[in-house]
Amino acid sequence: MSTPRTVRVAIIGSGPAGWTAAIYAARAMLSPVVIAGLQPGGQLTITTDVENYPGFKDVIQGPWLMEQMRAQAEHVGTEVIEDIVVRADLSQRPFRLTLDSGTELLAETVIISTGAQAKWLGIESEAKYQGFGVSACATCDGFFYRGKDVIVVGGGNTAVEEALFLTNFASKVTVVHRRDEFRAERILQDRLFAHPKIEVIWDSAIDEILGTSENGGVNVTGARLKNVRTGETRDVAADGVFIAIGHAPSSELFAGQLETKQGGYLVVQPGTAATAIEGVWAAGDVTDDIYRQAVTAAGMGCMAALEAVRFLAEQDHKAQGHPISHKEAEKIGVW
């Protein structure tokens, strides 16, 4: 194992929050290091059409947006490490980050932007058919279902958006929801209910995903639904099943070190990106259980970086032996 390397700002994760934090930290001459993780670019790398990110009149592609953010971050001085953090010791500063390659970083500050990942139903047949008709990303796999019937599971924004997207390919989209109303935004619901290709089955859950084994492979043929009120079951034919029941924050790395709220999202101080540990911030979907948008993630990345800049300025000020704090010095204009 090599000698630990000291960095001023370590950013864990490379979605909108991570790249934005890197841009701001680099412009403050802090030479930030981004550990890109298993999915560089985050969830936007598996998102095709993006029409709600400010600044673009025409629809843009998620992977392209992430490429542009990365290029900008590198242009202003960010270093990118293509690796993952397997252990993070936040018990004292500098914080020790151990990477999968064995490299160790001693970080004066850490910005956590590890994002979130799709949730699964957790049933045996789901795992059996993953990649063979079961997917959690309509934008990734919708193309393969041209002229076919598909099922979408869920009732939030994710499910409704995926169902609407799949109408571009599938001949029929059946949305299965365990409640009798959606949680999705009203404008999305209105679009869904008005679409002739979409059917909704209420009060039902996936009991089993059905399929066949042919020529050494497996293929989905449908799903067995169970009515959560009556217990009755019915089989619905389909060529694909898309699971759209939300996301889980990637916060396991910090279990027992940082406070979490319901769902495992990291807790930050209201109005800031600061965690309970001085020198550690969290930004983006790993802490945001309400908005979960690229633009809000980017905004939080900006907040985290600016807070890190101020924190390090204060630390440098103290190290230089100034008799008053950086903040007080700024007020009277002597520093």
C-alpha atoms as a PDB file:
ATOM      1  CA  MET A   1       0.000   0.000   0.000  1.00  0.00           C
ATOM      2  CA  SER A   2       1.336   3.418  -0.981  1.00  0.00           C
ATOM      3  CA  THR A   3       1.881   6.291   1.408  1.00  0.00           C
ATOM      4  CA  PRO A   4      -1.401   8.162   2.056  1.00  0.00           C
ATOM      5  CA  ARG A   5      -1.741  11.283  -0.030  1.00  0.00           C
ATOM      6  CA  THR A   6      -3.155  14.495   1.425  1.00  0.00           C
ATOM      7  CA  VAL A   7      -5.831  16.416  -0.494  1.00  0.00           C
ATOM      8  CA  ARG A   8      -7.720  19.551   0.467  1.00  0.00           C
ATOM      9  CA  VAL A   9     -11.134  18.531  -0.891  1.00  0.00           C
ATOM     10  CA  ALA A  10     -12.185  14.968  -1.660  1.00  0.00           C
ATOM     11  CA  ILE A  11     -15.492  14.593  -3.500  1.00  0.00           C
ATOM     12  CA  ILE A  12     -17.037  11.129  -3.416  1.00  0.00           C
ATOM     13  CA  GLY A  13     -19.346  10.633  -6.383  1.00  0.00           C
ATOM     14  CA  SER A  14     -19.610  12.128  -9.849  1.00  0.00           C
ATOM     15  CA  GLY A  15     -23.194  13.126 -10.569  1.00  0.00           C
ATOM     16  CA  PRO A  16     -24.468  16.717 -10.885  1.00  0.00           C
ATOM     17  CA  ALA A  17     -23.732  17.408  -7.206  1.00  0.00           C
ATOM     18  CA  GLY A  18     -20.189  16.090  -7.388  1.00  0.00           C
ATOM     19  CA  TRP A  19     -19.203  17.840 -10.601  1.00  0.00           C
ATOM     20  CA  THR A  20     -20.696  21.154  -9.469  1.00  0.00           C
ATOM     21  CA  ALA A  21     -18.883  20.941  -6.145  1.00  0.00           C
ATOM     22  CA  ALA A  22     -15.681  20.205  -8.040  1.00  0.00           C
ATOM     23  CA  ILE A  23     -16.123  23.207 -10.323  1.00  0.00           C
ATOM     24  CA  TYR A  24     -16.574  25.608  -7.406  1.00  0.00           C
ATOM     25  CA  ALA A  25     -13.768  24.074  -5.326  1.00  0.00           C
ATOM     26  CA  ALA A  26     -11.376  24.144  -8.279  1.00  0.00           C
ATOM     27  CA  ARG A  27     -12.168  27.790  -9.008  1.00  0.00           C
ATOM     28  CA  ALA A  28     -11.269  28.496  -5.375  1.00  0.00           C
ATOM     29  CA  MET A  29      -7.835  26.952  -6.058  1.00  0.00           C
ATOM     30  CA  LEU A  30      -8.409  23.998  -3.738  1.00  0.00           C
ATOM     31  CA  SER A  31      -7.352  21.328  -6.266  1.00  0.00           C
ATOM     32  CA  PRO A  32     -10.323  19.036  -5.579  1.00  0.00           C
ATOM     33  CA  VAL A  33     -10.155  15.304  -6.233  1.00  0.00           C
ATOM     34  CA  VAL A  34     -13.276  13.491  -7.454  1.00  0.00           C
ATOM     35  CA  ILE A  35     -13.507   9.748  -6.846  1.00  0.00           C
ATOM     36  CA  ALA A  36     -15.819   8.871  -9.723  1.00  0.00           C
ATOM     37  CA  GLY A  37     -17.343   5.656  -8.331  1.00  0.00           C
ATOM     38  CA  LEU A  38     -18.950   2.677 -10.045  1.00  0.00           C
ATOM     39  CA  GLN A  39     -21.267   4.767 -12.202  1.00  0.00           C
ATOM     40  CA  PRO A  40     -19.443   7.953 -13.244  1.00  0.00           C
ATOM     41  CA  GLY A  41     -22.018  10.611 -13.967  1.00  0.00           C
ATOM     42  CA  GLY A  42     -24.669   9.084 -11.731  1.00  0.00           C
ATOM     43  CA  GLN A  43     -28.256   8.448 -12.749  1.00  0.00           C
ATOM     44  CA  LEU A  44     -28.172  10.953 -15.591  1.00  0.00           C
ATOM     45  CA  THR A  45     -25.922   8.592 -17.509  1.00  0.00           C
ATOM     46  CA  ILE A  46     -28.934   6.264 -17.856  1.00  0.00           C
ATOM     47  CA  THR A  47     -31.331   9.097 -18.682  1.00  0.00           C
ATOM     48  CA  THR A  48     -31.937   9.995 -22.303  1.00  0.00           C
ATOM     49  CA  ASP A  49     -34.107  13.061 -22.831  1.00  0.00           C
ATOM     50  CA  VAL A  50     -33.588  15.882 -20.317  1.00  0.00           C
ATOM     51  CA  GLU A  51     -35.899  18.851 -20.850  1.00  0.00           C
ATOM     52  CA  ASN A  52     -35.976  20.486 -17.416  1.00  0.00           C
ATOM     53  CA  TYR A  53     -32.329  21.436 -16.848  1.00  0.00           C
ATOM     54  CA  PRO A  54     -32.053  25.240 -17.083  1.00  0.00           C
ATOM     55  CA  GLY A  55     -30.150  26.802 -19.948  1.00  0.00           C
ATOM     56  CA  PHE A  56     -31.119  24.497 -22.800  1.00  0.00           C
ATOM     57  CA  LYS A  57     -33.983  25.388 -25.124  1.00  0.00           C
ATOM     58  CA  ASP A  58     -33.932  22.011 -26.833  1.00  0.00           C
ATOM     59  CA  VAL A  59     -34.026  18.575 -25.229  1.00  0.00           C
ATOM     60  CA  ILE A  60     -30.565  17.358 -24.249  1.00  0.00           C
ATOM     61  CA  GLN A  61     -29.222  13.926 -23.395  1.00  0.00           C
ATOM     62  CA  GLY A  62     -28.327  13.001 -19.812  1.00  0.00           C
ATOM     63  CA  PRO A  63     -24.963  11.365 -20.643  1.00  0.00           C
ATOM     64  CA  TRP A  64     -23.979  14.390 -22.722  1.00  0.00           C
ATOM     65  CA  LEU A  65     -24.797  16.736 -19.830  1.00  0.00           C
ATOM     66  CA  MET A  66     -22.606  14.694 -17.503  1.00  0.00           C
ATOM     67  CA  GLU A  67     -19.781  14.690 -20.036  1.00  0.00           C
ATOM     68  CA  GLN A  68     -19.984  18.471 -20.231  1.00  0.00           C
ATOM     69  CA  MET A  69     -19.981  18.856 -16.440  1.00  0.00           C
ATOM     70  CA  ARG A  70     -16.956  16.606 -16.136  1.00  0.00           C
ATOM     71  CA  ALA A  71     -15.107  18.431 -18.907  1.00  0.00           C
ATOM     72  CA  GLN A  72     -15.790  21.760 -17.205  1.00  0.00           C
ATOM     73  CA  ALA A  73     -14.624  20.445 -13.829  1.00  0.00           C
ATOM     74  CA  GLU A  74     -11.397  19.099 -15.317  1.00  0.00           C
ATOM     75  CA  HIS A  75     -10.853  22.290 -17.304  1.00  0.00           C
ATOM     76  CA  VAL A  76     -10.788  24.406 -14.132  1.00  0.00           C
ATOM     77  CA  GLY A  77      -8.422  22.067 -12.320  1.00  0.00           C
ATOM     78  CA  THR A  78     -10.263  19.052 -10.922  1.00  0.00           C
ATOM     79  CA  GLU A  79      -8.472  15.721 -10.705  1.00  0.00           C
ATOM     80  CA  VAL A  80     -10.623  12.653 -11.382  1.00  0.00           C
ATOM     81  CA  ILE A  81      -9.762   9.245  -9.940  1.00  0.00           C
ATOM     82  CA  GLU A  82     -11.522   6.317 -11.622  1.00  0.00           C
ATOM     83  CA  ASP A  83     -11.980   4.255  -8.476  1.00  0.00           C
ATOM     84  CA  ILE A  84     -14.422   3.629  -5.647  1.00  0.00           C
ATOM     85  CA  VAL A  85     -14.175   4.381  -1.933  1.00  0.00           C
ATOM     86  CA  VAL A  86     -14.425   1.150   0.056  1.00  0.00           C
ATOM     87  CA  ARG A  87     -13.823   2.623   3.507  1.00  0.00           C
ATOM     88  CA  ALA A  88     -14.210   6.108   4.946  1.00  0.00           C
ATOM     89  CA  ASP A  89     -12.910   6.963   8.413  1.00  0.00           C
ATOM     90  CA  LEU A  90     -14.558  10.215   9.463  1.00  0.00           C
ATOM     91  CA  SER A  91     -13.547   9.965  13.129  1.00  0.00           C
ATOM     92  CA  GLN A  92     -10.879  12.662  12.861  1.00  0.00           C
ATOM     93  CA  ARG A  93      -9.405  15.180  10.450  1.00  0.00           C
ATOM     94  CA  PRO A  94      -7.818  14.632   8.060  1.00  0.00           C
ATOM     95  CA  PHE A  95     -10.379  12.043   7.031  1.00  0.00           C
ATOM     96  CA  ARG A  96      -8.951   8.781   5.729  1.00  0.00           C
ATOM     97  CA  LEU A  97     -10.475   7.391   2.518  1.00  0.00           C
ATOM     98  CA  THR A  98      -9.418   3.958   1.301  1.00  0.00           C
ATOM     99  CA  LEU A  99      -9.996   3.194  -2.367  1.00  0.00           C
ATOM    100  CA  ASP A 100     -10.592  -0.190  -3.969  1.00  0.00           C
ATOM    101  CA  SER A 101      -7.150  -0.014  -5.581  1.00  0.00           C
ATOM    102  CA  GLY A 102      -5.534   0.273  -2.148  1.00  0.00           C
ATOM    103  CA  THR A 103      -4.798   3.977  -2.511  1.00  0.00           C
ATOM    104  CA  GLU A 104      -5.386   6.023   0.631  1.00  0.00           C
ATOM    105  CA  LEU A 105      -6.320   9.690   0.712  1.00  0.00           C
ATOM    106  CA  LEU A 106      -6.095  11.964   3.732  1.00  0.00           C
ATOM    107  CA  ALA A 107      -8.741  14.597   3.055  1.00  0.00           C
ATOM    108  CA  GLU A 108      -8.931  17.881   4.903  1.00  0.00           C
ATOM    109  CA  THR A 109     -12.571  18.074   3.833  1.00  0.00           C
ATOM    110  CA  VAL A 110     -15.010  15.624   2.266  1.00  0.00           C
ATOM    111  CA  ILE A 111     -18.062  16.259   0.100  1.00  0.00           C
ATOM    112  CA  ILE A 112     -20.347  13.233  -0.193  1.00  0.00           C
ATOM    113  CA  SER A 113     -22.303  13.094  -3.448  1.00  0.00           C
ATOM    114  CA  THR A 114     -22.815   9.363  -3.852  1.00  0.00           C
ATOM    115  CA  GLY A 115     -26.390   9.697  -5.117  1.00  0.00           C
ATOM    116  CA  ALA A 116     -29.053   6.999  -5.048  1.00  0.00           C
ATOM    117  CA  GLN A 117     -29.867   3.758  -6.831  1.00  0.00           C
ATOM    118  CA  ALA A 118     -33.050   2.117  -8.035  1.00  0.00           C
ATOM    119  CA  LYS A 119     -35.033  -0.016  -5.579  1.00  0.00           C
ATOM    120  CA  TRP A 120     -36.112  -3.551  -6.446  1.00  0.00           C
ATOM    121  CA  LEU A 121     -39.087  -5.616  -5.314  1.00  0.00           C
ATOM    122  CA  GLY A 122     -36.862  -8.245  -3.758  1.00  0.00           C
ATOM    123  CA  ILE A 123     -38.704 -11.315  -5.045  1.00  0.00           C
ATOM    124  CA  GLU A 124     -36.906 -14.366  -6.393  1.00  0.00           C
ATOM    125  CA  SER A 125     -38.391 -14.245  -9.881  1.00  0.00           C
ATOM    126  CA  GLU A 126     -37.332 -10.600 -10.255  1.00  0.00           C
ATOM    127  CA  ALA A 127     -33.686 -11.529  -9.737  1.00  0.00           C
ATOM    128  CA  LYS A 128     -34.038 -14.490 -12.099  1.00  0.00           C
ATOM    129  CA  TYR A 129     -35.211 -12.341 -14.993  1.00  0.00           C
ATOM    130  CA  GLN A 130     -33.096  -9.232 -14.456  1.00  0.00           C
ATOM    131  CA  GLY A 131     -31.588  -8.426 -17.804  1.00  0.00           C
ATOM    132  CA  PHE A 132     -33.956 -10.845 -19.510  1.00  0.00           C
ATOM    133  CA  GLY A 133     -37.136  -8.796 -19.398  1.00  0.00           C
ATOM    134  CA  VAL A 134     -36.906  -7.174 -15.959  1.00  0.00           C
ATOM    135  CA  SER A 135     -35.410  -3.680 -15.831  1.00  0.00           C
ATOM    136  CA  ALA A 136     -35.281  -0.629 -13.598  1.00  0.00           C
ATOM    137  CA  CYS A 137     -34.532   1.798 -16.400  1.00  0.00           C
ATOM    138  CA  ALA A 138     -37.018   2.437 -19.177  1.00  0.00           C
ATOM    139  CA  THR A 139     -34.704   4.904 -20.873  1.00  0.00           C
ATOM    140  CA  CYS A 140     -32.008   2.226 -21.055  1.00  0.00           C
ATOM    141  CA  ASP A 141     -34.104  -0.676 -22.270  1.00  0.00           C
ATOM    142  CA  GLY A 142     -37.305   0.740 -23.721  1.00  0.00           C
ATOM    143  CA  PHE A 143     -35.963   0.504 -27.265  1.00  0.00           C
ATOM    144  CA  PHE A 144     -36.002  -3.296 -27.042  1.00  0.00           C
ATOM    145  CA  TYR A 145     -39.768  -3.374 -26.564  1.00  0.00           C
ATOM    146  CA  ARG A 146     -40.940  -1.902 -29.838  1.00  0.00           C
ATOM    147  CA  GLY A 147     -44.435  -3.159 -30.567  1.00  0.00           C
ATOM    148  CA  LYS A 148     -44.535  -5.244 -27.378  1.00  0.00           C
ATOM    149  CA  ASP A 149     -46.530  -5.143 -24.135  1.00  0.00           C
ATOM    150  CA  VAL A 150     -44.845  -4.035 -20.928  1.00  0.00           C
ATOM    151  CA  ILE A 151     -45.685  -3.593 -17.247  1.00  0.00           C
ATOM    152  CA  VAL A 152     -44.528  -0.702 -15.068  1.00  0.00           C
ATOM    153  CA  VAL A 153     -44.633  -1.134 -11.284  1.00  0.00           C
ATOM    154  CA  GLY A 154     -45.048   1.916  -9.045  1.00  0.00           C
ATOM    155  CA  GLY A 155     -47.111   5.015  -8.415  1.00  0.00           C
ATOM    156  CA  GLY A 156     -44.751   7.951  -8.023  1.00  0.00           C
ATOM    157  CA  ASN A 157     -43.158  10.330 -10.502  1.00  0.00           C
ATOM    158  CA  THR A 158     -40.650   7.697 -11.550  1.00  0.00           C
ATOM    159  CA  ALA A 159     -43.313   5.149 -12.483  1.00  0.00           C
ATOM    160  CA  VAL A 160     -45.505   7.619 -14.364  1.00  0.00           C
ATOM    161  CA  GLU A 161     -42.558   9.108 -16.259  1.00  0.00           C
ATOM    162  CA  GLU A 162     -41.296   5.641 -17.190  1.00  0.00           C
ATOM    163  CA  ALA A 163     -44.765   4.584 -18.367  1.00  0.00           C
ATOM    164  CA  LEU A 164     -45.114   7.659 -20.554  1.00  0.00           C
ATOM    165  CA  PHE A 165     -41.645   7.164 -21.994  1.00  0.00           C
ATOM    166  CA  LEU A 166     -42.352   3.535 -22.819  1.00  0.00           C
ATOM    167  CA  THR A 167     -45.357   4.515 -24.947  1.00  0.00           C
ATOM    168  CA  ASN A 168     -42.792   5.658 -27.525  1.00  0.00           C
ATOM    169  CA  PHE A 169     -41.938   1.997 -28.081  1.00  0.00           C
ATOM    170  CA  ALA A 170     -44.456  -0.415 -26.578  1.00  0.00           C
ATOM    171  CA  SER A 171     -47.868  -1.219 -28.025  1.00  0.00           C
ATOM    172  CA  LYS A 172     -49.370  -1.276 -24.515  1.00  0.00           C
ATOM    173  CA  VAL A 173     -48.175  -0.173 -21.091  1.00  0.00           C
ATOM    174  CA  THR A 174     -49.857  -1.548 -17.975  1.00  0.00           C
ATOM    175  CA  VAL A 175     -49.136   0.356 -14.771  1.00  0.00           C
ATOM    176  CA  VAL A 176     -49.496  -1.714 -11.600  1.00  0.00           C
ATOM    177  CA  HIS A 177     -49.881   0.172  -8.328  1.00  0.00           C
ATOM    178  CA  ARG A 178     -50.595  -1.217  -4.875  1.00  0.00           C
ATOM    179  CA  ARG A 179     -52.744   1.782  -3.907  1.00  0.00           C
ATOM    180  CA  ASP A 180     -55.860   3.339  -5.435  1.00  0.00           C
ATOM    181  CA  GLU A 181     -54.222   6.624  -6.376  1.00  0.00           C
ATOM    182  CA  PHE A 182     -50.855   7.857  -7.601  1.00  0.00           C
ATOM    183  CA  ARG A 183     -48.357   9.964  -5.669  1.00  0.00           C
ATOM    184  CA  ALA A 184     -47.026  11.494  -8.892  1.00  0.00           C
ATOM    185  CA  GLU A 185     -47.410  15.154  -9.818  1.00  0.00           C
ATOM    186  CA  ARG A 186     -50.839  16.015 -11.170  1.00  0.00           C
ATOM    187  CA  ILE A 187     -49.576  17.120 -14.578  1.00  0.00           C
ATOM    188  CA  LEU A 188     -47.911  13.733 -15.060  1.00  0.00           C
ATOM    189  CA  GLN A 189     -51.038  11.902 -13.947  1.00  0.00           C
ATOM    190  CA  ASP A 190     -53.141  13.857 -16.417  1.00  0.00           C
ATOM    191  CA  ARG A 191     -50.810  12.873 -19.252  1.00  0.00           C
ATOM    192  CA  LEU A 192     -50.895   9.240 -18.204  1.00  0.00           C
ATOM    193  CA  PHE A 193     -54.671   8.983 -17.883  1.00  0.00           C
ATOM    194  CA  ALA A 194     -55.118  10.625 -21.278  1.00  0.00           C
ATOM    195  CA  HIS A 195     -52.770   8.261 -23.096  1.00  0.00           C
ATOM    196  CA  PRO A 196     -54.554   5.572 -25.129  1.00  0.00           C
ATOM    197  CA  LYS A 197     -51.711   3.053 -24.744  1.00  0.00           C
ATOM    198  CA  ILE A 198     -51.751   3.040 -20.942  1.00  0.00           C
ATOM    199  CA  GLU A 199     -53.922   0.933 -18.623  1.00  0.00           C
ATOM    200  CA  VAL A 200     -53.777   1.174 -14.823  1.00  0.00           C
ATOM    201  CA  ILE A 201     -54.394  -1.737 -12.468  1.00  0.00           C
ATOM    202  CA  TRP A 202     -55.034  -0.456  -8.944  1.00  0.00           C
ATOM    203  CA  ASP A 203     -54.647  -2.114  -5.534  1.00  0.00           C
ATOM    204  CA  SER A 204     -52.308  -4.747  -6.919  1.00  0.00           C
ATOM    205  CA  ALA A 205     -48.744  -5.896  -6.452  1.00  0.00           C
ATOM    206  CA  ILE A 206     -46.410  -8.216  -8.333  1.00  0.00           C
ATOM    207  CA  ASP A 207     -46.674 -11.674  -6.787  1.00  0.00           C
ATOM    208  CA  GLU A 208     -44.403 -13.347  -9.311  1.00  0.00           C
ATOM    209  CA  ILE A 209     -42.775 -12.533 -12.628  1.00  0.00           C
ATOM    210  CA  LEU A 210     -43.547 -15.202 -15.192  1.00  0.00           C
ATOM    211  CA  GLY A 211     -41.283 -16.452 -17.956  1.00  0.00           C
ATOM    212  CA  THR A 212     -39.981 -19.304 -20.024  1.00  0.00           C
ATOM    213  CA  SER A 213     -36.628 -20.976 -20.502  1.00  0.00           C
ATOM    214  CA  GLU A 214     -35.728 -21.570 -24.105  1.00  0.00           C
ATOM    215  CA  ASN A 215     -32.414 -22.463 -25.758  1.00  0.00           C
ATOM    216  CA  GLY A 216     -30.557 -22.001 -22.492  1.00  0.00           C
ATOM    217  CA  GLY A 217     -31.965 -18.502 -21.933  1.00  0.00           C
ATOM    218  CA  VAL A 218     -34.904 -17.016 -20.060  1.00  0.00           C
ATOM    219  CA  ASN A 219     -37.541 -14.548 -21.184  1.00  0.00           C
ATOM    220  CA  VAL A 220     -40.373 -12.757 -19.418  1.00  0.00           C
ATOM    221  CA  THR A 221     -43.888 -13.646 -20.540  1.00  0.00           C
ATOM    222  CA  GLY A 222     -45.874 -11.713 -17.956  1.00  0.00           C
ATOM    223  CA  ALA A 223     -46.575 -11.250 -14.268  1.00  0.00           C
ATOM    224  CA  ARG A 224     -48.901 -12.676 -11.651  1.00  0.00           C
ATOM    225  CA  LEU A 225     -50.618  -9.849  -9.822  1.00  0.00           C
ATOM    226  CA  LYS A 226     -52.157 -10.080  -6.388  1.00  0.00           C
ATOM    227  CA  ASN A 227     -54.942  -7.742  -5.284  1.00  0.00           C
ATOM    228  CA  VAL A 228     -53.816  -6.346  -1.928  1.00  0.00           C
ATOM    229  CA  ARG A 229     -57.423  -5.963  -0.752  1.00  0.00           C
ATOM    230  CA  THR A 230     -59.025  -9.238  -1.830  1.00  0.00           C
ATOM    231  CA  GLY A 231     -56.019 -11.525  -2.196  1.00  0.00           C
ATOM    232  CA  GLU A 232     -57.168 -12.600  -5.647  1.00  0.00           C
ATOM    233  CA  THR A 233     -54.518 -13.221  -8.293  1.00  0.00           C
ATOM    234  CA  ARG A 234     -54.511 -12.720 -12.050  1.00  0.00           C
ATOM    235  CA  ASP A 235     -51.946 -13.204 -14.784  1.00  0.00           C
ATOM    236  CA  VAL A 236     -51.112 -10.339 -17.147  1.00  0.00           C
ATOM    237  CA  ALA A 237     -49.176 -11.068 -20.326  1.00  0.00           C
ATOM    238  CA  ALA A 238     -46.150  -8.871 -20.988  1.00  0.00           C
ATOM    239  CA  ASP A 239     -42.777  -9.018 -22.664  1.00  0.00           C
ATOM    240  CA  GLY A 240     -41.070  -6.812 -20.092  1.00  0.00           C
ATOM    241  CA  VAL A 241     -41.483  -5.610 -16.509  1.00  0.00           C
ATOM    242  CA  PHE A 242     -40.063  -2.262 -15.423  1.00  0.00           C
ATOM    243  CA  ILE A 243     -39.616  -1.693 -11.689  1.00  0.00           C
ATOM    244  CA  ALA A 244     -40.129   1.974 -10.834  1.00  0.00           C
ATOM    245  CA  ILE A 245     -40.680   2.083  -7.072  1.00  0.00           C
ATOM    246  CA  GLY A 246     -38.120   4.700  -6.189  1.00  0.00           C
ATOM    247  CA  HIS A 247     -34.502   4.875  -5.169  1.00  0.00           C
ATOM    248  CA  ALA A 248     -32.301   4.138  -2.179  1.00  0.00           C
ATOM    249  CA  PRO A 249     -29.512   6.574  -1.233  1.00  0.00           C
ATOM    250  CA  SER A 250     -25.974   5.248  -1.483  1.00  0.00           C
ATOM    251  CA  SER A 251     -25.098   6.020   2.126  1.00  0.00           C
ATOM    252  CA  GLU A 252     -23.974   2.590   3.388  1.00  0.00           C
ATOM    253  CA  LEU A 253     -20.336   3.661   3.372  1.00  0.00           C
ATOM    254  CA  PHE A 254     -21.044   6.117   6.191  1.00  0.00           C
ATOM    255  CA  ALA A 255     -23.250   3.902   8.377  1.00  0.00           C
ATOM    256  CA  GLY A 256     -22.611   4.496  12.061  1.00  0.00           C
ATOM    257  CA  GLN A 257     -20.666   7.679  11.367  1.00  0.00           C
ATOM    258  CA  LEU A 258     -23.274  10.050   9.971  1.00  0.00           C
ATOM    259  CA  GLU A 259     -26.878  10.498  11.004  1.00  0.00           C
ATOM    260  CA  THR A 260     -29.534   9.279   8.578  1.00  0.00           C
ATOM    261  CA  LYS A 261     -33.276   9.839   8.307  1.00  0.00           C
ATOM    262  CA  GLN A 262     -36.021   7.583   7.046  1.00  0.00           C
ATOM    263  CA  GLY A 263     -34.956   5.763   3.924  1.00  0.00           C
ATOM    264  CA  GLY A 264     -31.244   6.055   4.738  1.00  0.00           C
ATOM    265  CA  TYR A 265     -30.777   9.615   3.465  1.00  0.00           C
ATOM    266  CA  LEU A 266     -27.947  11.536   5.125  1.00  0.00           C
ATOM    267  CA  VAL A 267     -29.010  14.324   7.454  1.00  0.00           C
ATOM    268  CA  VAL A 268     -27.691  17.839   6.851  1.00  0.00           C
ATOM    269  CA  GLN A 269     -28.224  20.974   8.869  1.00  0.00           C
ATOM    270  CA  PRO A 270     -31.272  22.937   7.612  1.00  0.00           C
ATOM    271  CA  GLY A 271     -30.388  25.391   4.866  1.00  0.00           C
ATOM    272  CA  THR A 272     -26.881  23.999   4.441  1.00  0.00           C
ATOM    273  CA  ALA A 273     -25.068  20.959   3.125  1.00  0.00           C
ATOM    274  CA  ALA A 274     -23.233  20.431   6.437  1.00  0.00           C
ATOM    275  CA  THR A 275     -23.394  17.108   8.272  1.00  0.00           C
ATOM    276  CA  ALA A 276     -22.864  16.785  12.018  1.00  0.00           C
ATOM    277  CA  ILE A 277     -19.133  16.215  11.425  1.00  0.00           C
ATOM    278  CA  GLU A 278     -17.162  19.402  10.927  1.00  0.00           C
ATOM    279  CA  GLY A 279     -15.502  19.336   7.528  1.00  0.00           C
ATOM    280  CA  VAL A 280     -17.931  16.855   5.952  1.00  0.00           C
ATOM    281  CA  TRP A 281     -20.793  17.875   3.662  1.00  0.00           C
ATOM    282  CA  ALA A 282     -23.445  15.917   1.758  1.00  0.00           C
ATOM    283  CA  ALA A 283     -25.088  17.009  -1.480  1.00  0.00           C
ATOM    284  CA  GLY A 284     -27.543  15.651  -4.022  1.00  0.00           C
ATOM    285  CA  ASP A 285     -29.720  12.557  -3.924  1.00  0.00           C
ATOM    286  CA  VAL A 286     -27.806  10.955  -1.051  1.00  0.00           C
ATOM    287  CA  THR A 287     -29.414  13.540   1.242  1.00  0.00           C
ATOM    288  CA  ASP A 288     -32.397  14.789  -0.790  1.00  0.00           C
ATOM    289  CA  ASP A 289     -35.542  12.699  -0.283  1.00  0.00           C
ATOM    290  CA  ILE A 290     -37.908  15.418  -1.518  1.00  0.00           C
ATOM    291  CA  TYR A 291     -36.828  16.980  -4.813  1.00  0.00           C
ATOM    292  CA  ARG A 292     -34.328  14.513  -6.326  1.00  0.00           C
ATOM    293  CA  GLN A 293     -33.666  16.652  -9.392  1.00  0.00           C
ATOM    294  CA  ALA A 294     -30.426  17.244 -11.274  1.00  0.00           C
ATOM    295  CA  VAL A 295     -30.718  20.985 -10.788  1.00  0.00           C
ATOM    296  CA  THR A 296     -31.250  20.736  -7.017  1.00  0.00           C
ATOM    297  CA  ALA A 297     -28.346  18.285  -6.774  1.00  0.00           C
ATOM    298  CA  ALA A 298     -26.141  20.752  -8.632  1.00  0.00           C
ATOM    299  CA  GLY A 299     -27.295  23.534  -6.313  1.00  0.00           C
ATOM    300  CA  MET A 300     -26.427  21.492  -3.255  1.00  0.00           C
ATOM    301  CA  GLY A 301     -23.035  20.689  -4.744  1.00  0.00           C
ATOM    302  CA  CYS A 302     -22.431  24.413  -5.080  1.00  0.00           C
ATOM    303  CA  MET A 303     -23.478  24.957  -1.452  1.00  0.00           C
ATOM    304  CA  ALA A 304     -21.200  22.187  -0.198  1.00  0.00           C
ATOM    305  CA  ALA A 305     -18.199  23.525  -2.085  1.00  0.00           C
ATOM    306  CA  LEU A 306     -18.696  27.111  -0.928  1.00  0.00           C
ATOM    307  CA  GLU A 307     -19.029  25.913   2.657  1.00  0.00           C
ATOM    308  CA  ALA A 308     -15.831  23.895   2.256  1.00  0.00           C
ATOM    309  CA  VAL A 309     -14.041  26.960   0.844  1.00  0.00           C
ATOM    310  CA  ARG A 310     -15.054  29.057   3.862  1.00  0.00           C
ATOM    311  CA  PHE A 311     -14.171  26.281   6.288  1.00  0.00           C
ATOM    312  CA  LEU A 312     -10.687  25.829   4.848  1.00  0.00           C
ATOM    313  CA  ALA A 313     -10.125  29.580   4.746  1.00  0.00           C
ATOM    314  CA  GLU A 314     -10.907  29.691   8.462  1.00  0.00           C
ATOM    315  CA  GLN A 315      -8.569  26.763   9.130  1.00  0.00           C
ATOM    316  CA  ASP A 316      -5.763  28.426   7.149  1.00  0.00           C
ATOM    317  CA  HIS A 317      -6.397  31.666   9.010  1.00  0.00           C
ATOM    318  CA  LYS A 318      -5.983  29.912  12.360  1.00  0.00           C
ATOM    319  CA  ALA A 319      -2.878  28.065  11.204  1.00  0.00           C
ATOM    320  CA  GLN A 320      -1.250  31.393  10.361  1.00  0.00           C
ATOM    321  CA  GLY A 321      -1.690  32.487  13.973  1.00  0.00           C
ATOM    322  CA  HIS A 322      -4.066  35.401  13.430  1.00  0.00           C
ATOM    323  CA  PRO A 323      -5.462  36.717  16.739  1.00  0.00           C
ATOM    324  CA  ILE A 324      -9.050  36.986  15.481  1.00  0.00           C
ATOM    325  CA  SER A 325     -11.180  34.657  13.396  1.00  0.00           C
ATOM    326  CA  HIS A 326     -11.370  34.804   9.621  1.00  0.00           C
ATOM    327  CA  LYS A 327     -15.027  35.829   9.818  1.00  0.00           C
ATOM    328  CA  GLU A 328     -14.318  38.691  12.216  1.00  0.00           C
ATOM    329  CA  ALA A 329     -11.335  39.777  10.145  1.00  0.00           C
ATOM    330  CA  GLU A 330     -13.486  39.928   7.040  1.00  0.00           C
ATOM    331  CA  LYS A 331     -15.953  42.193   8.846  1.00  0.00           C
ATOM    332  CA  ILE A 332     -13.351  44.796   9.739  1.00  0.00           C
ATOM    333  CA  GLY A 333     -11.325  44.405   6.541  1.00  0.00           C
ATOM    334  CA  VAL A 334      -7.963  43.479   8.041  1.00  0.00           C
ATOM    335  CA  TRP A 335      -7.440  40.154   6.310  1.00  0.00           C
END
